[in-house]
Amino acid sequence: MNGLSRPELQAKICRIMSEMFEVPLEKLTAEARLFEELGLDSIDAVDLVVKVQELTGRRVDEADLRRVRTVQDVVNIVEAHLKKAA
């Protein structure tokens, strides 16, 4: 996933989230709130962390996880982890 532009990265993450959580792509906007608007629960959050770790090859800190509230937050974490891995 390195080498993707930010819009490409966001689109890829949205496609992955849509498949994982059966959420229509049109609902996966940057501002969409994971729990309140998209209906994700704590188990979904764990699945998402595992997927982010697979995509980036890096462990997600618990502190980072606690700050994740929106799709944009997920994109930010993936982007930051990819930059660290580069």
C-alpha atoms as a PDB file:
ATOM      1  CA  MET A   1       0.000   0.000   0.000  1.00  0.00           C
ATOM      2  CA  ASN A   2       3.026   2.248   0.103  1.00  0.00           C
ATOM      3  CA  GLY A   3       3.087   4.630  -2.812  1.00  0.00           C
ATOM      4  CA  LEU A   4      -0.649   5.275  -2.758  1.00  0.00           C
ATOM      5  CA  SER A   5      -1.868   8.848  -2.652  1.00  0.00           C
ATOM      6  CA  ARG A   6      -3.998   9.792   0.336  1.00  0.00           C
ATOM      7  CA  PRO A   7      -7.269   9.621  -1.706  1.00  0.00           C
ATOM      8  CA  GLU A   8      -6.236   6.203  -3.072  1.00  0.00           C
ATOM      9  CA  LEU A   9      -5.396   5.006   0.439  1.00  0.00           C
ATOM     10  CA  GLN A  10      -8.734   6.225   1.768  1.00  0.00           C
ATOM     11  CA  ALA A  11     -10.606   4.532  -1.094  1.00  0.00           C
ATOM     12  CA  LYS A  12      -8.767   1.247  -0.456  1.00  0.00           C
ATOM     13  CA  ILE A  13      -9.487   1.370   3.277  1.00  0.00           C
ATOM     14  CA  CYS A  14     -13.152   2.145   2.593  1.00  0.00           C
ATOM     15  CA  ARG A  15     -13.396  -0.846   0.229  1.00  0.00           C
ATOM     16  CA  ILE A  16     -11.811  -3.088   2.864  1.00  0.00           C
ATOM     17  CA  MET A  17     -14.123  -1.789   5.593  1.00  0.00           C
ATOM     18  CA  SER A  18     -17.149  -2.168   3.334  1.00  0.00           C
ATOM     19  CA  GLU A  19     -16.298  -5.821   2.728  1.00  0.00           C
ATOM     20  CA  MET A  20     -15.361  -6.575   6.352  1.00  0.00           C
ATOM     21  CA  PHE A  21     -18.381  -4.949   7.974  1.00  0.00           C
ATOM     22  CA  GLU A  22     -20.963  -5.096   5.170  1.00  0.00           C
ATOM     23  CA  VAL A  23     -21.350  -1.323   5.151  1.00  0.00           C
ATOM     24  CA  PRO A  24     -22.315   0.355   1.862  1.00  0.00           C
ATOM     25  CA  LEU A  25     -19.404   2.338   0.400  1.00  0.00           C
ATOM     26  CA  GLU A  26     -21.497   5.505   0.224  1.00  0.00           C
ATOM     27  CA  LYS A  27     -21.755   5.497   4.035  1.00  0.00           C
ATOM     28  CA  LEU A  28     -17.971   5.318   4.450  1.00  0.00           C
ATOM     29  CA  THR A  29     -17.185   9.009   4.275  1.00  0.00           C
ATOM     30  CA  ALA A  30     -14.136  10.473   6.012  1.00  0.00           C
ATOM     31  CA  GLU A  31     -16.331  11.970   8.739  1.00  0.00           C
ATOM     32  CA  ALA A  32     -18.456   8.842   9.302  1.00  0.00           C
ATOM     33  CA  ARG A  33     -18.359   7.841  12.969  1.00  0.00           C
ATOM     34  CA  LEU A  34     -17.467   4.167  13.282  1.00  0.00           C
ATOM     35  CA  PHE A  35     -19.656   3.258  16.220  1.00  0.00           C
ATOM     36  CA  GLU A  36     -22.529   5.741  16.145  1.00  0.00           C
ATOM     37  CA  GLU A  37     -23.142   5.961  12.384  1.00  0.00           C
ATOM     38  CA  LEU A  38     -21.711   2.759  10.949  1.00  0.00           C
ATOM     39  CA  GLY A  39     -22.799   0.436  13.738  1.00  0.00           C
ATOM     40  CA  LEU A  40     -19.406  -1.099  14.458  1.00  0.00           C
ATOM     41  CA  ASP A  41     -18.980  -2.704  17.874  1.00  0.00           C
ATOM     42  CA  SER A  42     -15.981  -3.633  20.016  1.00  0.00           C
ATOM     43  CA  ILE A  43     -15.424  -6.928  18.188  1.00  0.00           C
ATOM     44  CA  ASP A  44     -15.442  -5.066  14.866  1.00  0.00           C
ATOM     45  CA  ALA A  45     -12.865  -2.670  16.331  1.00  0.00           C
ATOM     46  CA  VAL A  46     -10.575  -5.582  17.167  1.00  0.00           C
ATOM     47  CA  ASP A  47     -11.015  -6.985  13.652  1.00  0.00           C
ATOM     48  CA  LEU A  48     -10.169  -3.561  12.237  1.00  0.00           C
ATOM     49  CA  VAL A  49      -6.998  -3.324  14.325  1.00  0.00           C
ATOM     50  CA  VAL A  50      -5.911  -6.764  13.125  1.00  0.00           C
ATOM     51  CA  LYS A  51      -6.509  -5.699   9.526  1.00  0.00           C
ATOM     52  CA  VAL A  52      -4.558  -2.440   9.986  1.00  0.00           C
ATOM     53  CA  GLN A  53      -1.680  -4.431  11.466  1.00  0.00           C
ATOM     54  CA  GLU A  54      -1.785  -6.810   8.474  1.00  0.00           C
ATOM     55  CA  LEU A  55      -1.808  -3.926   6.002  1.00  0.00           C
ATOM     56  CA  THR A  56       1.010  -1.993   7.631  1.00  0.00           C
ATOM     57  CA  GLY A  57       3.094  -4.730   9.210  1.00  0.00           C
ATOM     58  CA  ARG A  58       3.156  -2.684  12.415  1.00  0.00           C
ATOM     59  CA  ARG A  59       1.477  -3.057  15.790  1.00  0.00           C
ATOM     60  CA  VAL A  60      -1.260  -0.532  16.591  1.00  0.00           C
ATOM     61  CA  ASP A  61      -0.739   1.143  19.959  1.00  0.00           C
ATOM     62  CA  GLU A  62      -3.633   0.969  22.377  1.00  0.00           C
ATOM     63  CA  ALA A  63      -3.460   4.764  22.769  1.00  0.00           C
ATOM     64  CA  ASP A  64      -3.901   5.195  19.002  1.00  0.00           C
ATOM     65  CA  LEU A  65      -6.819   2.797  19.049  1.00  0.00           C
ATOM     66  CA  ARG A  66      -8.627   4.779  21.746  1.00  0.00           C
ATOM     67  CA  ARG A  67      -8.512   7.903  19.565  1.00  0.00           C
ATOM     68  CA  VAL A  68     -10.121   6.247  16.541  1.00  0.00           C
ATOM     69  CA  ARG A  69     -13.650   7.527  16.065  1.00  0.00           C
ATOM     70  CA  THR A  70     -14.052   8.104  12.316  1.00  0.00           C
ATOM     71  CA  VAL A  71     -13.058   6.582   8.995  1.00  0.00           C
ATOM     72  CA  GLN A  72     -10.561   9.454   8.664  1.00  0.00           C
ATOM     73  CA  ASP A  73      -8.933   8.395  11.940  1.00  0.00           C
ATOM     74  CA  VAL A  74      -8.413   4.902  10.500  1.00  0.00           C
ATOM     75  CA  VAL A  75      -6.855   6.362   7.347  1.00  0.00           C
ATOM     76  CA  ASN A  76      -4.578   8.569   9.481  1.00  0.00           C
ATOM     77  CA  ILE A  77      -3.315   5.602  11.498  1.00  0.00           C
ATOM     78  CA  VAL A  78      -2.677   3.481   8.403  1.00  0.00           C
ATOM     79  CA  GLU A  79      -0.894   6.372   6.696  1.00  0.00           C
ATOM     80  CA  ALA A  80       1.282   7.073   9.757  1.00  0.00           C
ATOM     81  CA  HIS A  81       2.200   3.396  10.138  1.00  0.00           C
ATOM     82  CA  LEU A  82       3.066   3.109   6.435  1.00  0.00           C
ATOM     83  CA  LYS A  83       5.353   6.150   6.690  1.00  0.00           C
ATOM     84  CA  LYS A  84       7.126   4.613   9.700  1.00  0.00           C
ATOM     85  CA  ALA A  85       7.608   1.365   7.779  1.00  0.00           C
ATOM     86  CA  ALA A  86       9.071   3.123   4.728  1.00  0.00           C
END
